[in-house]
Amino acid sequence: MMKHKLITVAALASLGLSTATGIIPTVNAASNQQMSSKKMDHKSDDMNMDMNDQNMDKGMKMEMDHNGKLPTDLKKASHPKYKVGSTVKLTANHMPGMKGAKATVAGVYDSPLYVIDFKDTKTNKEVKNHKYVVKSELKADKGHKLAKGTKVTIKADHMAGMKGAKGKIVKVCDGPAYAVNFTPTNGGEKYTNHKWLSQSEMKKD
């Protein structure tokens, strides 16, 4: 034990350190402060990464199709409340800048509207209560009808990560299904043939 202690003191002396009270604790305190600083830096980096991931997710979810195509495989609605060419005011709030926007009806189709949950093919994140898709944009397992709870494959391409995604129907709403042209109230890029809105989500301008 004594031999081990003498070696320790000698080693300290060779480094120019003293065993006097206050010197060693000061060195330890400095070392602890450096370690704490490193830990804080790591925490800061982790927080920045989390915030970046969240921003990327938000950006991906809002990467909507601004120039959609009208469907050719759906029957046009016979007597819709708002005919093609009508000017309406949107009351829906599916995305920033939609509610309160003036729009022109681009197409009206005889189809229920389906609210769905699905897993984004690009981010692998779960998208909840997406409004809407129509019957021609969903493929159910063979022998299954399109109803609440039905598992589906999505054929629509309204936004990034949607086409080919697996999901399920969480709600079925009455048609007709409306496609509209509108410019967001927040000054964003104009949407052409935006799909879809229900009749109850618009009013006469």
N, C-alpha and C. Protein backbone atom coordinates (compact mmCIF):
# COMPACT_ATOMS: atom_id res chain seq x y z
N MET A 1 0.83 -1.20 0.00
CA MET A 1 0.00 0.00 0.00
C MET A 1 0.86 1.24 0.00
N MET A 2 1.92 1.31 0.84
CA MET A 2 2.79 2.47 0.93
C MET A 2 3.51 2.70 -0.38
N LYS A 3 3.96 1.57 -0.99
CA LYS A 3 4.69 1.67 -2.25
C LYS A 3 3.81 2.27 -3.31
N HIS A 4 2.57 1.83 -3.37
CA HIS A 4 1.62 2.31 -4.37
C HIS A 4 1.36 3.80 -4.17
N LYS A 5 1.28 4.25 -2.90
CA LYS A 5 1.04 5.65 -2.61
C LYS A 5 2.22 6.51 -3.02
N LEU A 6 3.48 6.02 -2.77
CA LEU A 6 4.66 6.78 -3.15
C LEU A 6 4.74 6.96 -4.65
N ILE A 7 4.39 5.93 -5.41
CA ILE A 7 4.41 6.03 -6.87
C ILE A 7 3.41 7.08 -7.33
N THR A 8 2.26 7.12 -6.70
CA THR A 8 1.22 8.07 -7.07
C THR A 8 1.68 9.50 -6.83
N VAL A 9 2.31 9.75 -5.68
CA VAL A 9 2.81 11.08 -5.36
C VAL A 9 3.90 11.49 -6.33
N ALA A 10 4.78 10.53 -6.65
CA ALA A 10 5.88 10.82 -7.59
C ALA A 10 5.32 11.16 -8.96
N ALA A 11 4.34 10.43 -9.36
CA ALA A 11 3.74 10.69 -10.67
C ALA A 11 3.14 12.08 -10.71
N LEU A 12 2.50 12.47 -9.64
CA LEU A 12 1.91 13.80 -9.57
C LEU A 12 2.99 14.87 -9.60
N ALA A 13 4.09 14.61 -8.89
CA ALA A 13 5.19 15.58 -8.84
C ALA A 13 5.80 15.78 -10.22
N SER A 14 5.90 14.66 -11.02
CA SER A 14 6.50 14.76 -12.35
C SER A 14 5.65 15.59 -13.29
N LEU A 15 4.36 15.72 -12.96
CA LEU A 15 3.46 16.53 -13.79
C LEU A 15 3.37 17.97 -13.30
N GLY A 16 4.14 18.26 -12.28
CA GLY A 16 4.15 19.61 -11.75
C GLY A 16 2.94 19.90 -10.88
N LEU A 17 2.29 18.85 -10.36
CA LEU A 17 1.11 19.02 -9.53
C LEU A 17 1.47 18.82 -8.07
N SER A 18 0.69 19.37 -7.23
CA SER A 18 0.90 19.25 -5.79
C SER A 18 -0.29 18.55 -5.18
N THR A 19 -0.05 17.87 -4.06
CA THR A 19 -1.15 17.22 -3.34
C THR A 19 -1.74 18.17 -2.31
N ALA A 20 -1.30 19.44 -2.38
CA ALA A 20 -1.83 20.41 -1.44
C ALA A 20 -3.33 20.57 -1.65
N THR A 21 -4.01 20.86 -0.58
CA THR A 21 -5.47 20.98 -0.62
C THR A 21 -5.89 22.07 -1.60
N GLY A 22 -6.82 21.73 -2.48
CA GLY A 22 -7.36 22.71 -3.41
C GLY A 22 -6.85 22.55 -4.82
N ILE A 23 -5.62 21.95 -5.01
CA ILE A 23 -5.07 21.86 -6.36
C ILE A 23 -5.76 20.76 -7.16
N ILE A 24 -5.77 19.55 -6.60
CA ILE A 24 -6.37 18.42 -7.30
C ILE A 24 -7.87 18.63 -7.53
N PRO A 25 -8.63 19.06 -6.50
CA PRO A 25 -10.05 19.33 -6.74
C PRO A 25 -10.28 20.33 -7.85
N THR A 26 -9.38 21.35 -7.96
CA THR A 26 -9.52 22.34 -9.03
C THR A 26 -9.37 21.68 -10.38
N VAL A 27 -8.40 20.77 -10.52
CA VAL A 27 -8.20 20.04 -11.78
C VAL A 27 -9.43 19.20 -12.10
N ASN A 28 -9.95 18.49 -11.06
CA ASN A 28 -11.14 17.66 -11.26
C ASN A 28 -12.35 18.50 -11.66
N ALA A 29 -12.49 19.67 -11.05
CA ALA A 29 -13.61 20.54 -11.36
C ALA A 29 -13.55 21.01 -12.80
N ALA A 30 -12.33 21.34 -13.25
CA ALA A 30 -12.16 21.77 -14.64
C ALA A 30 -12.52 20.65 -15.60
N SER A 31 -12.07 19.43 -15.24
CA SER A 31 -12.35 18.26 -16.07
C SER A 31 -13.85 18.00 -16.15
N ASN A 32 -14.52 18.10 -14.96
CA ASN A 32 -15.96 17.89 -14.93
C ASN A 32 -16.70 18.93 -15.74
N GLN A 33 -16.21 20.19 -15.68
CA GLN A 33 -16.83 21.26 -16.43
C GLN A 33 -16.72 21.01 -17.94
N GLN A 34 -15.56 20.49 -18.38
CA GLN A 34 -15.38 20.18 -19.81
C GLN A 34 -16.32 19.07 -20.24
N MET A 35 -16.46 18.03 -19.37
CA MET A 35 -17.35 16.92 -19.70
C MET A 35 -18.80 17.39 -19.76
N SER A 36 -19.20 18.27 -18.82
CA SER A 36 -20.56 18.80 -18.81
C SER A 36 -20.82 19.61 -20.06
N SER A 37 -19.79 20.39 -20.46
CA SER A 37 -19.92 21.20 -21.66
C SER A 37 -20.12 20.34 -22.90
N LYS A 38 -19.37 19.21 -22.95
CA LYS A 38 -19.50 18.29 -24.09
C LYS A 38 -20.89 17.67 -24.13
N LYS A 39 -21.39 17.31 -22.91
CA LYS A 39 -22.73 16.72 -22.83
C LYS A 39 -23.78 17.70 -23.32
N MET A 40 -23.62 18.98 -22.93
CA MET A 40 -24.56 20.01 -23.36
C MET A 40 -24.52 20.19 -24.86
N ASP A 41 -23.30 20.12 -25.43
CA ASP A 41 -23.15 20.24 -26.88
C ASP A 41 -23.88 19.12 -27.59
N HIS A 42 -23.74 17.88 -27.06
CA HIS A 42 -24.41 16.73 -27.65
C HIS A 42 -25.93 16.88 -27.59
N LYS A 43 -26.42 17.37 -26.42
CA LYS A 43 -27.85 17.58 -26.25
C LYS A 43 -28.35 18.61 -27.25
N SER A 44 -27.56 19.69 -27.43
CA SER A 44 -27.93 20.74 -28.37
C SER A 44 -28.01 20.20 -29.78
N ASP A 45 -27.02 19.36 -30.15
CA ASP A 45 -27.00 18.76 -31.49
C ASP A 45 -28.22 17.87 -31.69
N ASP A 46 -28.55 17.07 -30.65
CA ASP A 46 -29.70 16.18 -30.75
C ASP A 46 -30.99 16.96 -30.94
N MET A 47 -31.13 18.10 -30.20
CA MET A 47 -32.32 18.93 -30.32
C MET A 47 -32.43 19.52 -31.71
N ASN A 48 -31.30 19.96 -32.26
CA ASN A 48 -31.30 20.51 -33.61
C ASN A 48 -31.71 19.47 -34.63
N MET A 49 -31.22 18.23 -34.46
CA MET A 49 -31.56 17.16 -35.38
C MET A 49 -33.06 16.85 -35.31
N ASP A 50 -33.61 16.83 -34.08
CA ASP A 50 -35.03 16.57 -33.90
C ASP A 50 -35.87 17.64 -34.59
N MET A 51 -35.47 18.91 -34.42
CA MET A 51 -36.21 20.01 -35.02
C MET A 51 -36.13 19.93 -36.54
N ASN A 52 -34.97 19.56 -37.07
CA ASN A 52 -34.82 19.42 -38.52
C ASN A 52 -35.71 18.31 -39.05
N ASP A 53 -35.77 17.18 -38.32
CA ASP A 53 -36.63 16.07 -38.73
C ASP A 53 -38.08 16.50 -38.76
N GLN A 54 -38.50 17.26 -37.71
CA GLN A 54 -39.88 17.71 -37.65
C GLN A 54 -40.20 18.63 -38.81
N ASN A 55 -39.28 19.54 -39.12
CA ASN A 55 -39.50 20.46 -40.22
C ASN A 55 -39.57 19.73 -41.55
N MET A 56 -38.73 18.70 -41.72
CA MET A 56 -38.76 17.92 -42.94
C MET A 56 -40.08 17.18 -43.07
N ASP A 57 -40.57 16.63 -41.94
CA ASP A 57 -41.85 15.93 -41.96
C ASP A 57 -42.97 16.87 -42.36
N LYS A 58 -42.97 18.08 -41.75
CA LYS A 58 -44.02 19.04 -42.06
C LYS A 58 -43.95 19.44 -43.53
N GLY A 59 -42.74 19.65 -44.02
CA GLY A 59 -42.58 20.02 -45.41
C GLY A 59 -43.06 18.92 -46.34
N MET A 60 -42.77 17.66 -45.97
CA MET A 60 -43.17 16.54 -46.80
C MET A 60 -44.68 16.40 -46.84
N LYS A 61 -45.34 16.58 -45.68
CA LYS A 61 -46.78 16.44 -45.61
C LYS A 61 -47.48 17.50 -46.46
N MET A 62 -46.88 18.66 -46.57
CA MET A 62 -47.51 19.74 -47.31
C MET A 62 -47.05 19.81 -48.77
N GLU A 63 -46.32 18.81 -49.22
CA GLU A 63 -45.87 18.78 -50.61
C GLU A 63 -47.02 18.27 -51.49
N MET A 64 -48.02 19.13 -51.65
CA MET A 64 -49.22 18.77 -52.37
C MET A 64 -49.06 19.01 -53.87
N ASP A 65 -49.88 18.29 -54.65
CA ASP A 65 -49.86 18.45 -56.10
C ASP A 65 -50.63 19.72 -56.46
N HIS A 66 -49.94 20.67 -57.08
CA HIS A 66 -50.57 21.95 -57.44
C HIS A 66 -51.28 21.90 -58.79
N ASN A 67 -50.99 20.90 -59.58
CA ASN A 67 -51.57 20.82 -60.92
C ASN A 67 -52.10 19.42 -61.19
N GLY A 68 -53.15 19.07 -60.46
CA GLY A 68 -53.73 17.74 -60.59
C GLY A 68 -54.51 17.56 -61.88
N LYS A 69 -54.73 16.31 -62.23
CA LYS A 69 -55.52 15.99 -63.41
C LYS A 69 -56.91 15.53 -62.97
N LEU A 70 -57.92 15.91 -63.74
CA LEU A 70 -59.27 15.47 -63.45
C LEU A 70 -59.43 14.01 -63.85
N PRO A 71 -60.19 13.25 -63.08
CA PRO A 71 -60.35 11.82 -63.38
C PRO A 71 -61.17 11.58 -64.64
N THR A 72 -60.89 10.47 -65.31
CA THR A 72 -61.65 10.09 -66.51
C THR A 72 -62.47 8.83 -66.24
N ASP A 73 -62.31 8.25 -65.03
CA ASP A 73 -62.97 6.98 -64.72
C ASP A 73 -64.08 7.14 -63.68
N LEU A 74 -64.55 8.38 -63.47
CA LEU A 74 -65.65 8.64 -62.53
C LEU A 74 -66.83 9.26 -63.27
N LYS A 75 -68.02 8.90 -62.86
CA LYS A 75 -69.22 9.48 -63.45
C LYS A 75 -69.41 10.90 -62.93
N LYS A 76 -69.70 11.82 -63.85
CA LYS A 76 -69.93 13.21 -63.44
C LYS A 76 -71.27 13.32 -62.73
N ALA A 77 -71.31 14.14 -61.68
CA ALA A 77 -72.54 14.32 -60.91
C ALA A 77 -73.62 14.96 -61.78
N SER A 78 -74.85 14.45 -61.68
CA SER A 78 -75.95 14.93 -62.53
C SER A 78 -76.47 16.30 -62.13
N HIS A 79 -76.77 16.46 -60.84
CA HIS A 79 -77.38 17.71 -60.39
C HIS A 79 -76.70 18.22 -59.11
N PRO A 80 -75.43 18.63 -59.24
CA PRO A 80 -74.73 19.12 -58.04
C PRO A 80 -75.24 20.50 -57.64
N LYS A 81 -75.08 20.82 -56.38
CA LYS A 81 -75.47 22.14 -55.88
C LYS A 81 -74.63 23.22 -56.54
N TYR A 82 -73.34 22.93 -56.72
CA TYR A 82 -72.43 23.88 -57.37
C TYR A 82 -71.91 23.25 -58.66
N LYS A 83 -72.28 23.83 -59.78
CA LYS A 83 -71.91 23.29 -61.08
C LYS A 83 -70.48 23.69 -61.46
N VAL A 84 -69.94 23.00 -62.45
CA VAL A 84 -68.60 23.34 -62.95
C VAL A 84 -68.61 24.78 -63.43
N GLY A 85 -67.61 25.55 -63.00
CA GLY A 85 -67.52 26.96 -63.37
C GLY A 85 -68.05 27.89 -62.29
N SER A 86 -68.78 27.33 -61.29
CA SER A 86 -69.32 28.16 -60.21
C SER A 86 -68.20 28.71 -59.33
N THR A 87 -68.41 29.92 -58.83
CA THR A 87 -67.46 30.52 -57.89
C THR A 87 -67.97 30.28 -56.47
N VAL A 88 -67.12 29.74 -55.63
CA VAL A 88 -67.52 29.41 -54.26
C VAL A 88 -66.46 29.91 -53.27
N LYS A 89 -66.84 29.88 -51.99
CA LYS A 89 -65.90 30.21 -50.93
C LYS A 89 -65.68 28.95 -50.12
N LEU A 90 -64.44 28.57 -49.90
CA LEU A 90 -64.12 27.33 -49.21
C LEU A 90 -64.19 27.51 -47.69
N THR A 91 -64.83 26.55 -47.05
CA THR A 91 -64.92 26.56 -45.58
C THR A 91 -64.08 25.45 -44.97
N ALA A 92 -63.53 24.59 -45.81
CA ALA A 92 -62.67 23.49 -45.34
C ALA A 92 -61.33 24.04 -44.89
N ASN A 93 -60.65 23.27 -44.04
CA ASN A 93 -59.35 23.70 -43.53
C ASN A 93 -58.35 22.55 -43.64
N HIS A 94 -58.31 21.92 -44.83
CA HIS A 94 -57.44 20.77 -45.04
C HIS A 94 -55.96 21.16 -45.01
N MET A 95 -55.67 22.41 -45.33
CA MET A 95 -54.28 22.87 -45.39
C MET A 95 -54.24 24.36 -45.14
N PRO A 96 -53.06 24.92 -44.79
CA PRO A 96 -52.95 26.36 -44.57
C PRO A 96 -53.36 27.14 -45.82
N GLY A 97 -54.18 28.17 -45.63
CA GLY A 97 -54.56 29.02 -46.75
C GLY A 97 -55.80 28.57 -47.49
N MET A 98 -56.40 27.46 -47.08
CA MET A 98 -57.60 26.97 -47.78
C MET A 98 -58.86 27.64 -47.26
N LYS A 99 -59.04 27.67 -45.95
CA LYS A 99 -60.27 28.22 -45.38
C LYS A 99 -60.43 29.69 -45.73
N GLY A 100 -61.58 30.03 -46.31
CA GLY A 100 -61.85 31.41 -46.68
C GLY A 100 -61.42 31.76 -48.09
N ALA A 101 -60.74 30.85 -48.77
CA ALA A 101 -60.27 31.13 -50.13
C ALA A 101 -61.42 31.07 -51.14
N LYS A 102 -61.35 31.91 -52.14
CA LYS A 102 -62.32 31.87 -53.24
C LYS A 102 -61.85 30.81 -54.23
N ALA A 103 -62.80 30.05 -54.75
CA ALA A 103 -62.44 28.95 -55.65
C ALA A 103 -63.43 28.84 -56.80
N THR A 104 -62.98 28.17 -57.84
CA THR A 104 -63.84 27.86 -58.98
C THR A 104 -63.97 26.35 -59.07
N VAL A 105 -65.20 25.87 -59.20
CA VAL A 105 -65.43 24.43 -59.31
C VAL A 105 -64.91 23.94 -60.66
N ALA A 106 -63.99 22.97 -60.60
CA ALA A 106 -63.37 22.44 -61.82
C ALA A 106 -64.00 21.11 -62.25
N GLY A 107 -64.55 20.37 -61.28
CA GLY A 107 -65.17 19.08 -61.59
C GLY A 107 -66.02 18.60 -60.43
N VAL A 108 -67.12 17.90 -60.74
CA VAL A 108 -67.99 17.34 -59.70
C VAL A 108 -68.34 15.91 -60.09
N TYR A 109 -68.10 14.96 -59.18
CA TYR A 109 -68.23 13.55 -59.53
C TYR A 109 -69.10 12.78 -58.54
N ASP A 110 -69.75 11.78 -59.09
CA ASP A 110 -70.64 10.93 -58.30
C ASP A 110 -69.82 9.85 -57.59
N SER A 111 -69.36 10.19 -56.39
CA SER A 111 -68.56 9.23 -55.60
C SER A 111 -68.61 9.61 -54.14
N PRO A 112 -68.65 8.63 -53.26
CA PRO A 112 -68.46 8.94 -51.83
C PRO A 112 -67.05 9.49 -51.63
N LEU A 113 -66.86 10.12 -50.50
CA LEU A 113 -65.54 10.64 -50.13
C LEU A 113 -65.03 9.82 -48.95
N TYR A 114 -63.78 9.38 -49.03
CA TYR A 114 -63.22 8.50 -48.01
C TYR A 114 -62.12 9.22 -47.24
N VAL A 115 -62.24 9.18 -45.92
CA VAL A 115 -61.18 9.69 -45.04
C VAL A 115 -60.31 8.50 -44.68
N ILE A 116 -58.99 8.64 -44.81
CA ILE A 116 -58.11 7.49 -44.64
C ILE A 116 -56.91 7.78 -43.73
N ASP A 117 -56.42 6.72 -43.10
CA ASP A 117 -55.11 6.72 -42.44
C ASP A 117 -54.18 5.93 -43.34
N PHE A 118 -52.95 6.38 -43.50
CA PHE A 118 -51.99 5.60 -44.30
C PHE A 118 -50.57 5.89 -43.87
N LYS A 119 -49.69 4.99 -44.25
CA LYS A 119 -48.27 5.14 -43.92
C LYS A 119 -47.54 5.71 -45.12
N ASP A 120 -46.98 6.91 -44.95
CA ASP A 120 -46.25 7.61 -46.00
C ASP A 120 -45.11 6.73 -46.52
N THR A 121 -45.05 6.51 -47.83
CA THR A 121 -44.03 5.63 -48.41
C THR A 121 -42.64 6.25 -48.39
N LYS A 122 -42.56 7.57 -48.23
CA LYS A 122 -41.25 8.24 -48.23
C LYS A 122 -40.68 8.39 -46.81
N THR A 123 -41.53 8.75 -45.86
CA THR A 123 -41.06 9.00 -44.50
C THR A 123 -41.37 7.86 -43.53
N ASN A 124 -42.25 6.96 -43.96
CA ASN A 124 -42.70 5.84 -43.12
C ASN A 124 -43.50 6.33 -41.90
N LYS A 125 -43.95 7.58 -41.98
CA LYS A 125 -44.76 8.15 -40.91
C LYS A 125 -46.24 7.87 -41.15
N GLU A 126 -47.00 7.79 -40.07
CA GLU A 126 -48.44 7.55 -40.18
C GLU A 126 -49.16 8.89 -40.40
N VAL A 127 -49.93 8.97 -41.48
CA VAL A 127 -50.75 10.15 -41.77
C VAL A 127 -52.18 9.83 -41.35
N LYS A 128 -52.73 10.65 -40.47
CA LYS A 128 -54.05 10.39 -39.90
C LYS A 128 -55.13 11.26 -40.53
N ASN A 129 -56.29 10.66 -40.76
CA ASN A 129 -57.49 11.39 -41.19
C ASN A 129 -57.29 12.27 -42.41
N HIS A 130 -56.67 11.71 -43.44
CA HIS A 130 -56.47 12.47 -44.67
C HIS A 130 -57.79 12.62 -45.41
N LYS A 131 -58.13 13.87 -45.76
CA LYS A 131 -59.33 14.18 -46.53
C LYS A 131 -58.92 14.66 -47.91
N TYR A 132 -59.42 14.09 -48.95
CA TYR A 132 -60.17 12.85 -49.12
C TYR A 132 -59.57 12.07 -50.27
N VAL A 133 -60.06 10.86 -50.47
CA VAL A 133 -59.85 10.14 -51.72
C VAL A 133 -61.22 9.61 -52.16
N VAL A 134 -61.33 9.25 -53.45
CA VAL A 134 -62.58 8.72 -53.98
C VAL A 134 -62.41 7.25 -54.32
N LYS A 135 -63.52 6.60 -54.71
CA LYS A 135 -63.50 5.15 -54.88
C LYS A 135 -62.52 4.66 -55.95
N SER A 136 -62.32 5.45 -57.00
CA SER A 136 -61.41 5.02 -58.06
C SER A 136 -59.94 5.14 -57.64
N GLU A 137 -59.68 5.78 -56.51
CA GLU A 137 -58.31 5.98 -56.03
C GLU A 137 -57.91 5.00 -54.93
N LEU A 138 -58.79 4.03 -54.67
CA LEU A 138 -58.52 3.03 -53.65
C LEU A 138 -58.66 1.63 -54.21
N LYS A 139 -57.81 0.75 -53.71
CA LYS A 139 -57.90 -0.66 -54.07
C LYS A 139 -57.98 -1.47 -52.78
N ALA A 140 -59.12 -2.14 -52.61
CA ALA A 140 -59.31 -2.97 -51.41
C ALA A 140 -58.84 -4.39 -51.71
N ASP A 141 -58.57 -5.15 -50.65
CA ASP A 141 -58.24 -6.56 -50.83
C ASP A 141 -59.38 -7.25 -51.56
N LYS A 142 -59.05 -8.25 -52.34
CA LYS A 142 -60.05 -8.95 -53.15
C LYS A 142 -61.21 -9.43 -52.29
N GLY A 143 -62.42 -9.13 -52.75
CA GLY A 143 -63.61 -9.56 -52.04
C GLY A 143 -64.08 -8.61 -50.96
N HIS A 144 -63.36 -7.53 -50.71
CA HIS A 144 -63.74 -6.57 -49.68
C HIS A 144 -64.35 -5.31 -50.30
N LYS A 145 -65.38 -4.80 -49.67
CA LYS A 145 -66.01 -3.57 -50.12
C LYS A 145 -65.33 -2.37 -49.46
N LEU A 146 -65.49 -1.22 -50.12
CA LEU A 146 -64.93 0.00 -49.54
C LEU A 146 -65.88 0.50 -48.45
N ALA A 147 -65.49 0.29 -47.22
CA ALA A 147 -66.30 0.68 -46.07
C ALA A 147 -65.37 1.05 -44.92
N LYS A 148 -65.92 1.64 -43.87
CA LYS A 148 -65.12 2.01 -42.71
C LYS A 148 -64.40 0.77 -42.16
N GLY A 149 -63.08 0.90 -41.97
CA GLY A 149 -62.28 -0.20 -41.45
C GLY A 149 -61.61 -1.04 -42.52
N THR A 150 -62.01 -0.87 -43.78
CA THR A 150 -61.41 -1.66 -44.87
C THR A 150 -59.96 -1.27 -45.09
N LYS A 151 -59.07 -2.25 -45.18
CA LYS A 151 -57.66 -2.00 -45.50
C LYS A 151 -57.54 -1.82 -47.01
N VAL A 152 -56.76 -0.82 -47.41
CA VAL A 152 -56.68 -0.46 -48.83
C VAL A 152 -55.25 -0.15 -49.25
N THR A 153 -55.05 -0.17 -50.56
CA THR A 153 -53.84 0.36 -51.18
C THR A 153 -54.27 1.61 -51.94
N ILE A 154 -53.52 2.69 -51.77
CA ILE A 154 -53.92 3.98 -52.34
C ILE A 154 -53.30 4.17 -53.72
N LYS A 155 -54.15 4.49 -54.69
CA LYS A 155 -53.69 4.75 -56.05
C LYS A 155 -53.56 6.24 -56.35
N ALA A 156 -54.10 7.06 -55.47
CA ALA A 156 -54.05 8.52 -55.65
C ALA A 156 -52.62 9.04 -55.46
N ASP A 157 -52.36 10.18 -56.07
CA ASP A 157 -51.04 10.79 -55.98
C ASP A 157 -51.19 12.28 -55.63
N HIS A 158 -52.06 12.57 -54.66
CA HIS A 158 -52.32 13.96 -54.28
C HIS A 158 -51.13 14.62 -53.63
N MET A 159 -50.30 13.81 -52.97
CA MET A 159 -49.16 14.37 -52.23
C MET A 159 -48.02 13.35 -52.21
N ALA A 160 -46.83 13.83 -51.93
CA ALA A 160 -45.66 12.96 -51.88
C ALA A 160 -45.85 11.86 -50.85
N GLY A 161 -45.50 10.62 -51.20
CA GLY A 161 -45.57 9.52 -50.26
C GLY A 161 -46.92 8.84 -50.18
N MET A 162 -47.87 9.26 -51.04
CA MET A 162 -49.21 8.68 -50.98
C MET A 162 -49.39 7.49 -51.92
N LYS A 163 -49.00 7.64 -53.17
CA LYS A 163 -49.24 6.60 -54.17
C LYS A 163 -48.56 5.29 -53.77
N GLY A 164 -49.36 4.21 -53.73
CA GLY A 164 -48.83 2.90 -53.38
C GLY A 164 -48.82 2.63 -51.89
N ALA A 165 -49.22 3.62 -51.09
CA ALA A 165 -49.20 3.46 -49.63
C ALA A 165 -50.31 2.52 -49.17
N LYS A 166 -50.05 1.84 -48.06
CA LYS A 166 -51.05 0.98 -47.44
C LYS A 166 -51.78 1.78 -46.36
N GLY A 167 -53.09 1.58 -46.27
CA GLY A 167 -53.85 2.32 -45.28
C GLY A 167 -55.18 1.67 -44.99
N LYS A 168 -56.05 2.43 -44.35
CA LYS A 168 -57.39 1.93 -44.08
C LYS A 168 -58.38 3.09 -44.08
N ILE A 169 -59.62 2.78 -44.39
CA ILE A 169 -60.69 3.78 -44.39
C ILE A 169 -61.16 3.99 -42.96
N VAL A 170 -61.19 5.26 -42.53
CA VAL A 170 -61.64 5.56 -41.17
C VAL A 170 -63.01 6.24 -41.15
N LYS A 171 -63.43 6.76 -42.32
CA LYS A 171 -64.75 7.39 -42.39
C LYS A 171 -65.19 7.45 -43.85
N VAL A 172 -66.49 7.30 -44.06
CA VAL A 172 -67.08 7.42 -45.40
C VAL A 172 -68.07 8.57 -45.38
N CYS A 173 -67.89 9.53 -46.29
CA CYS A 173 -68.77 10.70 -46.35
C CYS A 173 -69.54 10.70 -47.67
N ASP A 174 -70.73 11.28 -47.63
CA ASP A 174 -71.55 11.36 -48.83
C ASP A 174 -70.91 12.25 -49.88
N GLY A 175 -71.12 11.91 -51.16
CA GLY A 175 -70.68 12.74 -52.26
C GLY A 175 -71.69 13.85 -52.52
N PRO A 176 -71.55 14.58 -53.61
CA PRO A 176 -70.54 14.37 -54.65
C PRO A 176 -69.16 14.87 -54.22
N ALA A 177 -68.17 14.49 -55.03
CA ALA A 177 -66.79 14.89 -54.78
C ALA A 177 -66.43 16.05 -55.70
N TYR A 178 -65.91 17.11 -55.12
CA TYR A 178 -65.57 18.32 -55.87
C TYR A 178 -64.06 18.48 -56.05
N ALA A 179 -63.67 18.89 -57.26
CA ALA A 179 -62.31 19.33 -57.53
C ALA A 179 -62.40 20.83 -57.80
N VAL A 180 -61.46 21.60 -57.25
CA VAL A 180 -61.54 23.06 -57.37
C VAL A 180 -60.20 23.68 -57.73
N ASN A 181 -60.30 24.89 -58.27
CA ASN A 181 -59.12 25.72 -58.51
C ASN A 181 -59.16 26.86 -57.50
N PHE A 182 -58.06 27.09 -56.79
CA PHE A 182 -58.04 28.20 -55.83
C PHE A 182 -56.62 28.64 -55.53
N THR A 183 -56.53 29.88 -55.08
CA THR A 183 -55.25 30.43 -54.61
C THR A 183 -55.35 30.58 -53.10
N PRO A 184 -54.41 30.01 -52.35
CA PRO A 184 -54.46 30.09 -50.88
C PRO A 184 -54.49 31.53 -50.36
N THR A 185 -55.18 31.72 -49.26
CA THR A 185 -55.28 33.06 -48.68
C THR A 185 -53.95 33.55 -48.11
N ASN A 186 -53.00 32.61 -47.90
CA ASN A 186 -51.69 33.00 -47.37
C ASN A 186 -50.69 33.35 -48.47
N GLY A 187 -51.19 33.46 -49.70
CA GLY A 187 -50.34 33.89 -50.81
C GLY A 187 -49.53 32.80 -51.47
N GLY A 188 -49.87 31.53 -51.19
CA GLY A 188 -49.13 30.43 -51.79
C GLY A 188 -49.47 30.23 -53.26
N GLU A 189 -48.83 29.23 -53.84
CA GLU A 189 -49.03 28.93 -55.25
C GLU A 189 -50.46 28.43 -55.51
N LYS A 190 -51.00 28.79 -56.66
CA LYS A 190 -52.37 28.40 -57.03
C LYS A 190 -52.48 26.89 -57.21
N TYR A 191 -53.61 26.34 -56.77
CA TYR A 191 -53.92 24.92 -56.97
C TYR A 191 -54.89 24.78 -58.14
N THR A 192 -54.57 23.91 -59.05
CA THR A 192 -55.44 23.62 -60.19
C THR A 192 -55.96 22.20 -60.05
N ASN A 193 -57.28 22.04 -60.15
CA ASN A 193 -57.93 20.72 -60.00
C ASN A 193 -57.59 20.05 -58.67
N HIS A 194 -57.63 20.83 -57.61
CA HIS A 194 -57.33 20.27 -56.28
C HIS A 194 -58.41 19.28 -55.88
N LYS A 195 -58.00 18.12 -55.40
CA LYS A 195 -58.92 17.06 -55.03
C LYS A 195 -58.69 16.68 -53.56
N TRP A 196 -59.72 16.51 -52.77
CA TRP A 196 -61.15 16.63 -53.01
C TRP A 196 -61.79 17.46 -51.92
N LEU A 197 -63.01 17.98 -52.18
CA LEU A 197 -63.80 18.63 -51.15
C LEU A 197 -65.23 18.12 -51.23
N SER A 198 -65.91 18.17 -50.09
CA SER A 198 -67.32 17.79 -50.06
C SER A 198 -68.17 19.04 -50.30
N GLN A 199 -69.43 18.82 -50.61
CA GLN A 199 -70.34 19.92 -50.89
C GLN A 199 -70.54 20.81 -49.65
N SER A 200 -70.46 20.19 -48.47
CA SER A 200 -70.66 20.94 -47.23
C SER A 200 -69.44 21.80 -46.85
N GLU A 201 -68.35 21.66 -47.59
CA GLU A 201 -67.13 22.41 -47.29
C GLU A 201 -66.95 23.64 -48.17
N MET A 202 -68.05 24.08 -48.78
CA MET A 202 -68.02 25.28 -49.59
C MET A 202 -69.37 25.96 -49.52
N LYS A 203 -69.38 27.23 -49.83
CA LYS A 203 -70.65 27.96 -49.87
C LYS A 203 -70.60 28.96 -51.02
N LYS A 204 -71.77 29.44 -51.39
CA LYS A 204 -71.86 30.37 -52.49
C LYS A 204 -71.11 31.66 -52.16
N ASP A 205 -70.29 32.11 -53.09
CA ASP A 205 -69.49 33.30 -52.84
C ASP A 205 -70.36 34.56 -52.95
